[in-house]
Amino acid sequence: MASLTLVSLGEPQVYAIDQTPFSIGRLPDCDLQLVHDIVSRKHATIERTDAGYVIKALGTTNPTKVNAEPVRERVLRDGDEIAVGPFLLKFDAYATPLVVVAEQAHGVCSNLSGLNTEQTMTGGQAFLLDAVEKLFSISDLNTLLDRLLTNVMTYVHADCLVILLQERPGGDLVPRTAQFAPNVPRMDPVPVSRTVIGHCRKSRAPVIVGDVAAEPDLEKSVGVVRTGAKSLFALPIVKHEQVLGVIYALGLKRSNQFLQRDLAIVQSIVHVAGVALERALLQERADREAAVRKFLASYFSPPVARQLAAEAAAGGKPLAPREEMVTVLFADLEGSTGFIEGLRPAQVPVFLSDYLSLMSEIIHRHDGGVDKFIGDGILGVFGMSRTSPHDGTNAMAAALEMIQSWRSARKDHGAENVPVRIGINTGHAFLGTIQTPQRHEFTVVGDAVNVASRLQSMAQGDSAVVSDSTRRQDSAGRFGFEDLGMREIRGRTAGVQVWRLTGKA
C-alpha cells in the first residue's frame, strides 16, 4: 500500500492509496478531492500495475507534473513530487509486508546477518493497517517514538529496545528513547554497539547477531560488555534511501533470542514508521529553529536571526566562541539620571522601552546586533554574526541615524535635554557564552569593547566619537570627521587617536 501526502496546505495530510484506481480531481466522488479552478473534474488516477504504481493524467487543460515535468503516464517512485494545479503531493511507496530471509553478511563479522526483503509475506495485513493509522495520527516526535517501540516490543522478545535518530543531516545516530521489558533494570543511557549500528546504517538493511560470544569484534566491545548482551539486532528506519534512525534491540537472557520470523512484521512497521518519523522530525526541527530564531531575535535583525537559526538547525555553530575583528558601538543618554528622577515610576519603563526599541531597530537596520542593555546604555556590535569590511561604516551610519531619530523622538517624552552620546571602536574581541552556575549569556568582551565605552564617555550630547581604527574603514570617504587628537584611555597604556563624526560627506 502506498500513500500521498498533501504538503502545500499547512499541516501535511496523508491519504492512503488502499485501492486502485485512485482518483484525484475536483469532484466530490474523487478519492482525493482538490478544490481549485485549475484542477480538472477528473484530473488524474493512480493505478497499481506489475511495474508499480502508475499515474495517468486525465486533465487536458492543466498538466499533471511529476518532479516538475508534465506527464501523461509515468511509473511513480518513492519520494516523487506530484503537482496538481497549485497542490503539491509527495508519493510514498511504503510497506508491502515482507518476509525476511537470512543471508551471509560480508566485511563485518561472520554472524552479522543481513536480511533479504524481496519476498512478499502473507498475514499481518490487519495489524499493519492498524499501525499505519495510529502512527500517522501522531505528530509529536516523542509520542511517535514511544508508540513505535511499543509496537515493536509486542512482536520481538527483546529485553531492551532503543531508537537512535540522526538529528541533523549527515550527523551521528544519537540514542533518543528506550523501553525495557518487565524486571529488566533501566540503563541510562543504554550502551550500543557502534559496529552493529554502523553496519546497519551503511547497508540500510536489518542486522542480527545471534551469538555475541562467537564474534571477537563484538565480544570485547564496550557497548556490548557493559550490557551483558547475548544477542543483538538492529533495524534501519529508511525514507527516500536515507537512514533516519535505527531501532536497536538487546537480548540479555540467551543467544539466538531473536527469530527472523518475529522480525518480518516488525520490519514492515518500521518501514511504515519512516513516513511518520520524517514528518515528525521536520516538525521538531522547525520548532527548534523557531525557538533559536526567537532567542537570536533579541541580538540580531530578523533576516540575520533567520539565517543563523537555519545554520544552527543544519548542524552548524554560527555563534561558537571565537575571536573576531568587530566594531563596537556604545550609546547612552546624557542627563538621564535627573530626568528619570522626575518621572512617575510607571513612566520610567515606557520611556526606556521607547528609547531602547528605537535604538535597537536602527542598529539592526544597519546589520548590527544588540549585545545588551545597561540601564539606558546600549551595546551594539557590528560583525557579531560574521565579520564584514563594512562593519565600521555600518556602525557610523547607524550612529548618525540614532542621533537624528532620538532628537525627534525625545520631544514626545519631554526629554529635550536628554541627548544621546555614542562611542565607536573597531578591534579584536571575544564573542561567546559567559557562564556561571546560575546563568549563561552570549556576549562580547575585550579591549575593543572597553575602548568603545571610554570613547562614549568623551562624546558630547548628540554626537559620536570614533577611534582611528573605525575612521580608516571609511575608505570611500562617505563621512566627515573632526580630529580630536590623541587621547589617553583610563586603565590602558596606549593612547587612542580620536575623531568626532560630523556627518556624511
Protein backbone atom coordinates (compact mmCIF):
# COMPACT_ATOMS: atom_id res chain seq x y z
CA MET A 1 0.00 0.00 0.00
CA ALA A 2 1.23 3.48 -0.87
CA SER A 3 0.18 6.98 0.16
CA LEU A 4 0.04 10.59 -0.98
CA THR A 5 0.99 13.39 1.40
CA LEU A 6 -0.53 16.80 0.69
CA VAL A 7 2.26 19.18 1.74
CA SER A 8 1.19 22.52 0.27
CA LEU A 9 -1.57 23.42 2.72
CA GLY A 10 -0.46 23.90 6.32
CA GLU A 11 -0.17 20.64 8.31
CA PRO A 12 0.73 17.73 5.97
CA GLN A 13 -2.22 15.45 5.28
CA VAL A 14 -1.71 11.79 4.35
CA TYR A 15 -4.08 9.84 2.06
CA ALA A 16 -3.63 6.07 1.86
CA ILE A 17 -3.91 4.55 -1.64
CA ASP A 18 -5.72 1.50 -0.27
CA GLN A 19 -7.31 0.53 -3.59
CA THR A 20 -6.80 1.42 -7.24
CA PRO A 21 -7.59 3.12 -9.47
CA PHE A 22 -7.19 6.03 -7.04
CA SER A 23 -8.75 9.18 -8.47
CA ILE A 24 -7.62 12.79 -7.98
CA GLY A 25 -9.74 15.75 -9.02
CA ARG A 26 -12.24 18.46 -8.19
CA LEU A 27 -15.35 16.26 -7.94
CA PRO A 28 -16.58 15.12 -4.51
CA ASP A 29 -16.52 11.46 -5.55
CA CYS A 30 -12.75 11.54 -6.19
CA ASP A 31 -10.65 9.59 -3.72
CA LEU A 32 -8.64 12.77 -3.22
CA GLN A 33 -10.71 15.90 -3.80
CA LEU A 34 -8.68 19.05 -4.58
CA VAL A 35 -10.94 22.05 -4.99
CA HIS A 36 -9.49 24.73 -7.26
CA ASP A 37 -10.47 26.29 -10.59
CA ILE A 38 -7.41 24.95 -12.40
CA VAL A 39 -7.88 21.39 -11.15
CA SER A 40 -9.92 19.28 -13.59
CA ARG A 41 -13.04 17.42 -12.51
CA LYS A 42 -11.14 14.18 -13.01
CA HIS A 43 -7.51 15.30 -13.10
CA ALA A 44 -5.50 12.08 -12.69
CA THR A 45 -5.61 8.50 -11.48
CA ILE A 46 -3.07 6.23 -9.85
CA GLU A 47 -3.21 2.52 -10.68
CA ARG A 48 -1.20 -0.40 -9.40
CA THR A 49 0.39 -2.48 -12.18
CA ASP A 50 3.10 -5.10 -12.45
CA ALA A 51 5.56 -2.25 -12.98
CA GLY A 52 4.41 -0.48 -9.80
CA TYR A 53 2.11 2.47 -9.13
CA VAL A 54 1.39 4.38 -12.34
CA ILE A 55 -0.05 7.89 -12.51
CA LYS A 56 -2.17 8.77 -15.55
CA ALA A 57 -3.07 12.36 -16.37
CA LEU A 58 -6.72 12.85 -17.38
CA GLY A 59 -6.98 16.64 -17.46
CA THR A 60 -6.35 18.18 -20.88
CA THR A 61 -6.17 21.88 -19.98
CA ASN A 62 -3.84 21.87 -16.98
CA PRO A 63 -0.99 19.35 -16.91
CA THR A 64 -0.14 16.90 -14.17
CA LYS A 65 3.54 17.22 -13.23
CA VAL A 66 5.87 14.73 -11.61
CA ASN A 67 9.07 16.27 -10.25
CA ALA A 68 8.19 19.49 -12.15
CA GLU A 69 7.86 17.68 -15.51
CA PRO A 70 4.47 17.40 -17.29
CA VAL A 71 3.47 13.75 -17.74
CA ARG A 72 0.74 11.76 -19.40
CA GLU A 73 1.67 8.46 -17.78
CA ARG A 74 4.56 7.51 -15.51
CA VAL A 75 5.59 4.85 -13.01
CA LEU A 76 5.94 6.56 -9.63
CA ARG A 77 8.98 6.17 -7.42
CA ASP A 78 9.21 6.66 -3.68
CA GLY A 79 9.58 10.37 -2.93
CA ASP A 80 8.23 11.65 -6.27
CA GLU A 81 6.56 15.07 -6.06
CA ILE A 82 3.27 15.39 -7.93
CA ALA A 83 1.87 18.82 -8.82
CA VAL A 84 -1.88 19.01 -9.45
CA GLY A 85 -2.74 22.64 -10.14
CA PRO A 86 -1.46 24.61 -7.11
CA PHE A 87 -1.35 21.49 -4.90
CA LEU A 88 1.87 19.58 -4.17
CA LEU A 89 1.70 15.88 -3.27
CA LYS A 90 4.52 13.55 -2.21
CA PHE A 91 4.26 9.89 -3.20
CA ASP A 92 5.34 7.31 -0.62
CA ALA A 93 5.66 3.70 -1.75
CA TYR A 94 5.84 2.15 1.69
CA ALA A 95 5.49 -1.20 3.37
CA THR A 96 4.02 -4.03 1.48
CA PRO A 97 4.60 -6.65 4.26
CA LEU A 98 7.81 -8.54 3.69
CA VAL A 99 9.31 -11.94 4.50
CA VAL A 100 12.84 -11.85 5.86
CA VAL A 101 15.36 -14.43 4.67
CA ALA A 102 18.81 -14.62 6.27
CA GLU A 103 21.87 -14.28 4.07
CA GLN A 104 25.56 -14.12 4.99
CA ALA A 105 26.85 -10.60 5.53
CA HIS A 106 30.26 -9.64 4.22
CA GLY A 107 33.01 -7.41 5.55
CA VAL A 108 31.88 -7.11 9.17
CA CYS A 109 31.83 -10.39 11.08
CA SER A 110 30.51 -13.87 10.46
CA ASN A 111 27.31 -13.70 12.49
CA LEU A 112 26.04 -10.31 11.30
CA SER A 113 23.19 -11.36 9.05
CA GLY A 114 21.72 -9.00 6.52
CA LEU A 115 18.03 -9.60 5.84
CA ASN A 116 16.83 -10.05 2.28
CA THR A 117 13.43 -8.33 1.90
CA GLU A 118 12.35 -9.24 -1.60
CA GLN A 119 9.64 -11.83 -0.90
CA THR A 120 6.07 -10.93 -0.01
CA MET A 121 4.76 -12.03 3.37
CA THR A 122 1.23 -13.35 3.86
CA GLY A 123 -0.67 -12.36 7.01
CA GLY A 124 -0.19 -9.42 9.32
CA GLN A 125 -2.11 -7.10 6.99
CA ALA A 126 -4.67 -6.10 9.57
CA PHE A 127 -2.06 -5.28 12.18
CA LEU A 128 -0.05 -3.32 9.65
CA LEU A 129 -3.06 -1.24 8.60
CA ASP A 130 -3.80 -0.54 12.26
CA ALA A 131 -0.17 0.52 12.80
CA VAL A 132 -0.35 2.81 9.77
CA GLU A 133 -3.45 4.56 11.09
CA LYS A 134 -2.06 5.01 14.59
CA LEU A 135 1.40 6.13 13.55
CA PHE A 136 0.07 8.62 11.02
CA SER A 137 -2.23 10.13 13.64
CA ILE A 138 0.74 11.15 15.83
CA SER A 139 2.58 14.40 15.13
CA ASP A 140 4.62 14.72 18.34
CA LEU A 141 8.00 13.04 17.87
CA ASN A 142 8.40 11.71 21.42
CA THR A 143 4.91 10.19 21.40
CA LEU A 144 5.56 8.65 17.98
CA LEU A 145 8.81 7.04 19.15
CA ASP A 146 7.19 5.60 22.28
CA ARG A 147 4.31 4.15 20.23
CA LEU A 148 6.72 2.68 17.70
CA LEU A 149 8.76 0.94 20.40
CA THR A 150 5.57 -0.39 21.99
CA ASN A 151 4.52 -1.91 18.66
CA VAL A 152 7.95 -3.47 18.13
CA MET A 153 8.10 -4.81 21.69
CA THR A 154 4.82 -6.62 21.01
CA TYR A 155 6.42 -8.76 18.30
CA VAL A 156 10.04 -9.07 19.43
CA HIS A 157 11.12 -10.73 22.64
CA ALA A 158 13.66 -8.04 23.46
CA ASP A 159 14.87 -7.11 26.93
CA CYS A 160 15.65 -3.59 25.78
CA LEU A 161 14.80 -1.51 22.71
CA VAL A 162 16.49 1.76 21.79
CA ILE A 163 15.74 4.22 19.00
CA LEU A 164 18.70 6.18 17.64
CA LEU A 165 17.99 9.16 15.39
CA GLN A 166 20.00 11.26 13.01
CA GLU A 167 19.09 14.61 14.49
CA ARG A 168 20.73 16.64 11.72
CA PRO A 169 21.63 15.78 8.11
CA GLY A 170 24.90 13.84 7.97
CA GLY A 171 25.15 13.70 11.76
CA ASP A 172 25.72 10.73 14.05
CA LEU A 173 22.89 8.49 15.18
CA VAL A 174 22.08 9.51 18.76
CA PRO A 175 20.03 7.45 21.26
CA ARG A 176 16.69 9.20 21.69
CA THR A 177 14.45 6.92 23.76
CA ALA A 178 14.36 3.38 25.15
CA GLN A 179 11.94 0.78 26.51
CA PHE A 180 12.69 -2.16 28.82
CA ALA A 181 10.97 -5.48 29.41
CA PRO A 182 9.48 -6.08 32.90
CA ASN A 183 12.08 -6.87 35.58
CA VAL A 184 14.96 -5.55 33.41
CA PRO A 185 16.94 -2.82 35.22
CA ARG A 186 16.96 0.50 33.36
CA MET A 187 20.18 1.76 31.82
CA ASP A 188 20.55 5.46 31.09
CA PRO A 189 21.99 5.85 28.60
CA VAL A 190 21.88 2.40 27.02
CA PRO A 191 25.33 1.43 25.64
CA VAL A 192 25.10 0.41 21.98
CA SER A 193 27.44 -1.42 19.61
CA ARG A 194 28.73 1.09 17.08
CA THR A 195 29.87 -1.85 14.92
CA VAL A 196 26.32 -3.13 14.56
CA ILE A 197 24.83 0.36 14.20
CA GLY A 198 27.41 1.29 11.58
CA HIS A 199 26.80 -1.86 9.52
CA CYS A 200 23.04 -1.36 9.71
CA ARG A 201 23.34 2.26 8.62
CA LYS A 202 25.79 1.59 5.79
CA SER A 203 23.88 -1.39 4.34
CA ARG A 204 20.41 0.10 5.03
CA ALA A 205 19.43 -3.45 5.97
CA PRO A 206 18.48 -5.20 9.22
CA VAL A 207 21.27 -6.91 11.15
CA ILE A 208 21.03 -9.86 13.55
CA VAL A 209 23.85 -11.01 15.84
CA GLY A 210 22.66 -14.39 17.04
CA ASP A 211 25.58 -15.12 19.36
CA VAL A 212 27.68 -12.23 20.62
CA ALA A 213 30.20 -14.62 22.23
CA ALA A 214 31.06 -16.02 18.79
CA GLU A 215 32.03 -12.60 17.49
CA PRO A 216 35.53 -11.44 18.57
CA ASP A 217 34.86 -7.92 17.27
CA LEU A 218 31.77 -7.61 19.46
CA GLU A 219 32.69 -9.70 22.48
CA LYS A 220 35.11 -7.00 23.66
CA SER A 221 33.00 -4.03 22.57
CA VAL A 222 32.42 -1.65 25.47
CA GLY A 223 28.84 -1.10 24.36
CA VAL A 224 28.21 -4.85 24.46
CA VAL A 225 30.21 -5.76 27.56
CA ARG A 226 28.51 -3.11 29.71
CA THR A 227 25.06 -4.50 28.88
CA GLY A 228 25.93 -8.21 29.05
CA ALA A 229 24.06 -8.77 25.78
CA LYS A 230 23.90 -12.32 24.44
CA SER A 231 22.31 -11.35 21.12
CA LEU A 232 21.53 -8.16 19.21
CA PHE A 233 19.54 -6.88 16.28
CA ALA A 234 19.22 -3.55 14.51
CA LEU A 235 16.59 -2.34 12.05
CA PRO A 236 17.12 0.80 9.96
CA ILE A 237 14.32 3.34 9.56
CA VAL A 238 14.72 4.37 5.92
CA LYS A 239 12.97 7.11 3.96
CA HIS A 240 13.95 8.19 0.43
CA GLU A 241 17.01 5.91 0.74
CA GLN A 242 18.20 7.90 3.77
CA VAL A 243 18.58 6.29 7.19
CA LEU A 244 16.59 8.47 9.59
CA GLY A 245 17.32 6.23 12.54
CA VAL A 246 17.88 2.71 13.83
CA ILE A 247 15.92 0.51 16.23
CA TYR A 248 18.44 -1.41 18.32
CA ALA A 249 17.48 -4.40 20.47
CA LEU A 250 19.27 -6.29 23.24
CA GLY A 251 18.76 -9.92 24.21
CA LEU A 252 20.18 -10.37 27.70
CA LYS A 253 18.95 -13.88 28.54
CA ARG A 254 20.29 -16.20 25.83
CA SER A 255 21.86 -16.40 22.41
CA ASN A 256 19.65 -16.55 19.31
CA GLN A 257 16.92 -14.76 21.22
CA PHE A 258 15.64 -13.03 18.08
CA LEU A 259 13.95 -15.07 15.38
CA GLN A 260 13.69 -13.89 11.80
CA ARG A 261 10.00 -14.74 11.59
CA ASP A 262 9.38 -12.37 14.53
CA LEU A 263 11.12 -9.59 12.64
CA ALA A 264 9.10 -9.82 9.43
CA ILE A 265 6.06 -7.85 10.58
CA VAL A 266 8.28 -5.55 12.66
CA GLN A 267 10.29 -4.61 9.59
CA SER A 268 7.05 -3.64 7.86
CA ILE A 269 6.01 -1.50 10.81
CA VAL A 270 9.39 0.21 10.85
CA HIS A 271 9.19 0.82 7.11
CA VAL A 272 5.82 2.49 7.56
CA ALA A 273 7.19 4.47 10.51
CA GLY A 274 9.69 6.16 8.20
CA VAL A 275 6.90 8.25 6.67
CA ALA A 276 5.53 9.38 10.02
CA LEU A 277 9.01 9.83 11.50
CA GLU A 278 10.17 12.05 8.66
CA ARG A 279 7.19 14.32 9.20
CA ALA A 280 7.69 14.45 12.98
CA LEU A 281 11.42 15.15 12.62
CA LEU A 282 10.74 18.01 10.22
CA GLN A 283 8.23 19.47 12.66
CA GLU A 284 10.62 19.16 15.61
CA ARG A 285 13.42 20.78 13.62
CA ALA A 286 11.06 23.58 12.60
CA ASP A 287 10.03 24.11 16.25
CA ARG A 288 13.68 24.07 17.34
CA GLU A 289 14.63 26.54 14.63
CA ALA A 290 11.76 28.82 15.68
CA ALA A 291 12.94 28.73 19.29
CA VAL A 292 16.52 29.51 18.27
CA ARG A 293 15.28 32.28 15.98
CA LYS A 294 13.28 33.78 18.85
CA PHE A 295 16.39 33.77 21.03
CA LEU A 296 18.56 35.26 18.28
CA ALA A 297 15.98 37.96 17.53
CA SER A 298 16.99 39.68 20.77
CA TYR A 299 20.50 40.12 19.36
CA PHE A 300 20.14 40.38 15.59
CA SER A 301 17.92 41.79 12.90
CA PRO A 302 15.19 39.38 11.68
CA PRO A 303 16.98 38.40 8.42
CA VAL A 304 20.25 37.64 10.23
CA ALA A 305 18.38 35.79 13.01
CA ARG A 306 16.64 33.60 10.42
CA GLN A 307 19.92 32.83 8.66
CA LEU A 308 21.74 31.94 11.89
CA ALA A 309 18.82 29.80 13.08
CA ALA A 310 18.85 27.88 9.79
CA GLU A 311 22.61 27.33 10.12
CA ALA A 312 22.17 26.05 13.68
CA ALA A 313 19.32 23.72 12.63
CA ALA A 314 21.54 22.28 9.89
CA GLY A 315 24.16 21.37 12.46
CA GLY A 316 26.39 24.42 12.17
CA LYS A 317 27.70 26.52 15.04
CA PRO A 318 27.26 30.10 13.86
CA LEU A 319 27.69 31.53 17.39
CA ALA A 320 30.52 29.29 18.56
CA PRO A 321 33.01 31.08 20.87
CA ARG A 322 35.65 32.83 18.79
CA GLU A 323 37.87 35.90 18.48
CA GLU A 324 36.82 38.34 15.75
CA MET A 325 37.56 41.81 14.43
CA VAL A 326 34.36 43.70 15.28
CA THR A 327 33.10 47.27 15.52
CA VAL A 328 31.57 48.09 18.90
CA LEU A 329 29.06 50.91 19.42
CA PHE A 330 28.28 52.21 22.92
CA ALA A 331 25.39 54.65 23.39
CA ASP A 332 23.78 56.14 26.46
CA LEU A 333 21.73 59.18 27.44
CA GLU A 334 23.31 62.33 28.90
CA GLY A 335 21.41 63.72 31.88
CA SER A 336 19.07 60.74 32.11
CA THR A 337 19.51 60.29 35.88
CA GLY A 338 17.98 63.66 36.75
CA PHE A 339 15.28 63.32 34.08
CA ILE A 340 14.19 59.86 35.28
CA GLU A 341 14.14 61.11 38.87
CA GLY A 342 11.33 63.49 37.88
CA LEU A 343 9.19 60.75 36.28
CA ARG A 344 6.50 58.75 38.00
CA PRO A 345 7.57 55.09 38.49
CA ALA A 346 5.09 53.88 35.84
CA GLN A 347 6.57 56.29 33.26
CA VAL A 348 10.14 55.02 33.55
CA PRO A 349 9.73 51.65 31.73
CA VAL A 350 7.69 53.34 28.98
CA PHE A 351 10.40 55.94 28.42
CA LEU A 352 13.26 53.39 28.43
CA SER A 353 11.35 50.94 26.23
CA ASP A 354 10.67 53.58 23.58
CA TYR A 355 14.29 54.74 23.59
CA LEU A 356 15.88 51.27 23.56
CA SER A 357 13.45 49.95 20.93
CA LEU A 358 14.23 52.86 18.61
CA MET A 359 18.00 52.45 19.04
CA SER A 360 17.83 48.66 18.57
CA GLU A 361 15.79 48.94 15.37
CA ILE A 362 18.35 51.32 13.89
CA ILE A 363 21.30 49.07 14.83
CA HIS A 364 19.53 46.07 13.29
CA ARG A 365 18.69 48.02 10.16
CA HIS A 366 22.40 48.64 9.63
CA ASP A 367 23.30 44.93 10.04
CA GLY A 368 24.42 45.22 13.64
CA GLY A 369 23.49 43.19 16.68
CA VAL A 370 22.45 44.28 20.17
CA ASP A 371 24.56 42.59 22.82
CA LYS A 372 22.98 44.04 25.93
CA PHE A 373 21.21 46.94 27.64
CA ILE A 374 22.89 48.56 30.65
CA GLY A 375 20.30 50.86 32.19
CA ASP A 376 19.77 53.43 29.45
CA GLY A 377 23.01 52.31 27.78
CA ILE A 378 23.06 50.05 24.77
CA LEU A 379 25.95 47.94 23.46
CA GLY A 380 25.77 47.25 19.73
CA VAL A 381 28.18 45.04 17.80
CA PHE A 382 28.78 45.02 14.06
CA GLY A 383 30.36 41.74 12.98
CA MET A 384 28.76 39.67 15.75
CA SER A 385 27.38 37.10 13.31
CA ARG A 386 30.20 37.35 10.74
CA THR A 387 32.88 39.95 10.06
CA SER A 388 32.39 42.31 7.12
CA PRO A 389 34.59 45.08 5.69
CA HIS A 390 31.53 47.33 6.03
CA ASP A 391 31.14 46.89 9.82
CA GLY A 392 32.76 50.25 10.62
CA THR A 393 30.80 52.26 8.05
CA ASN A 394 27.58 50.50 9.05
CA ALA A 395 28.18 51.47 12.68
CA MET A 396 28.86 55.11 11.80
CA ALA A 397 25.75 55.27 9.59
CA ALA A 398 23.74 53.80 12.46
CA ALA A 399 25.17 56.36 14.90
CA LEU A 400 24.14 59.31 12.74
CA GLU A 401 20.63 57.91 12.35
CA MET A 402 20.40 57.21 16.10
CA ILE A 403 21.31 60.84 16.90
CA GLN A 404 18.82 62.29 14.40
CA SER A 405 15.98 59.93 15.30
CA TRP A 406 16.35 60.42 19.06
CA ARG A 407 16.50 64.19 18.62
CA SER A 408 12.99 63.99 17.12
CA ALA A 409 11.55 61.22 19.30
CA ARG A 410 12.55 62.56 22.71
CA LYS A 411 10.26 65.56 22.33
CA ASP A 412 7.27 63.25 22.86
CA HIS A 413 8.64 62.38 26.31
CA GLY A 414 9.52 65.95 27.30
CA ALA A 415 13.18 64.90 27.23
CA GLU A 416 14.58 67.65 25.01
CA ASN A 417 17.57 67.99 27.35
CA VAL A 418 18.44 64.27 27.35
CA PRO A 419 20.65 63.81 24.26
CA VAL A 420 22.37 60.58 23.20
CA ARG A 421 26.17 60.12 23.30
CA ILE A 422 27.90 57.45 21.20
CA GLY A 423 31.38 55.91 21.11
CA ILE A 424 32.55 53.58 18.31
CA ASN A 425 35.71 51.46 18.13
CA THR A 426 36.98 48.70 15.85
CA GLY A 427 39.25 45.97 17.20
CA HIS A 428 39.58 42.36 18.28
CA ALA A 429 37.07 40.99 20.78
CA PHE A 430 35.96 37.61 22.11
CA LEU A 431 32.44 36.56 21.20
CA GLY A 432 30.96 33.69 23.14
CA THR A 433 28.95 32.47 26.08
CA ILE A 434 29.95 33.57 29.59
CA GLN A 435 28.66 31.02 32.08
CA THR A 436 28.12 30.82 35.82
CA PRO A 437 26.33 28.07 37.76
CA GLN A 438 23.21 30.26 37.76
CA ARG A 439 23.04 31.51 34.15
CA HIS A 440 24.79 31.86 30.82
CA GLU A 441 24.79 34.75 28.39
CA PHE A 442 26.14 35.31 24.90
CA THR A 443 28.26 38.45 24.98
CA VAL A 444 31.24 40.35 23.57
CA VAL A 445 34.24 41.16 25.76
CA GLY A 446 37.75 42.52 25.24
CA ASP A 447 39.80 45.66 24.76
CA ALA A 448 37.72 46.77 21.76
CA VAL A 449 34.64 46.92 24.00
CA ASN A 450 36.43 48.81 26.77
CA VAL A 451 37.77 51.44 24.36
CA ALA A 452 34.31 51.99 22.83
CA SER A 453 32.91 52.57 26.32
CA ARG A 454 35.61 55.17 27.09
CA LEU A 455 35.01 56.94 23.75
CA GLN A 456 31.31 57.18 24.55
CA SER A 457 32.13 58.98 27.81
CA MET A 458 34.19 61.54 25.80
CA ALA A 459 31.31 62.36 23.46
CA GLN A 460 29.16 65.44 23.95
CA GLY A 461 25.38 65.31 23.67
CA ASP A 462 24.02 64.31 20.26
CA SER A 463 27.45 63.39 18.93
CA ALA A 464 29.55 60.32 18.18
CA VAL A 465 33.26 59.84 18.83
CA VAL A 466 35.11 57.19 16.84
CA SER A 467 38.57 55.66 17.05
CA ASP A 468 41.08 55.91 14.23
CA SER A 469 40.68 52.19 13.51
CA THR A 470 36.99 52.83 12.76
CA ARG A 471 37.63 56.00 10.75
CA ARG A 472 40.07 54.11 8.48
CA GLN A 473 37.27 51.77 7.43
CA ASP A 474 35.68 54.70 5.59
CA SER A 475 37.91 54.20 2.54
CA ALA A 476 35.24 55.64 0.24
CA GLY A 477 35.11 58.95 2.12
CA ARG A 478 31.41 58.71 2.97
CA PHE A 479 31.71 60.56 6.31
CA GLY A 480 33.14 63.76 7.70
CA PHE A 481 35.42 63.82 10.77
CA GLU A 482 36.90 66.36 13.17
CA ASP A 483 40.31 65.47 14.62
CA LEU A 484 40.16 65.43 18.42
CA GLY A 485 43.79 64.34 18.81
CA MET A 486 45.41 61.55 20.78
CA ARG A 487 43.56 60.71 23.98
CA GLU A 488 44.56 58.60 26.95
CA ILE A 489 42.23 55.76 27.90
CA ARG A 490 41.90 55.07 31.62
CA GLY A 491 43.34 51.67 32.50
CA ARG A 492 45.12 51.34 29.15
CA THR A 493 48.81 52.01 28.49
CA ALA A 494 48.44 53.07 24.83
CA GLY A 495 46.50 56.16 23.82
CA VAL A 496 43.91 56.31 21.03
CA GLN A 497 43.60 58.73 18.12
CA VAL A 498 40.05 60.08 18.39
CA TRP A 499 37.71 61.69 15.86
CA ARG A 500 34.28 63.28 16.10
CA LEU A 501 31.87 62.04 13.46
CA THR A 502 30.48 65.21 11.86
CA GLY A 503 28.06 63.67 9.39
CA LYS A 504 28.01 62.29 5.90
CA ALA A 505 30.41 63.81 3.40
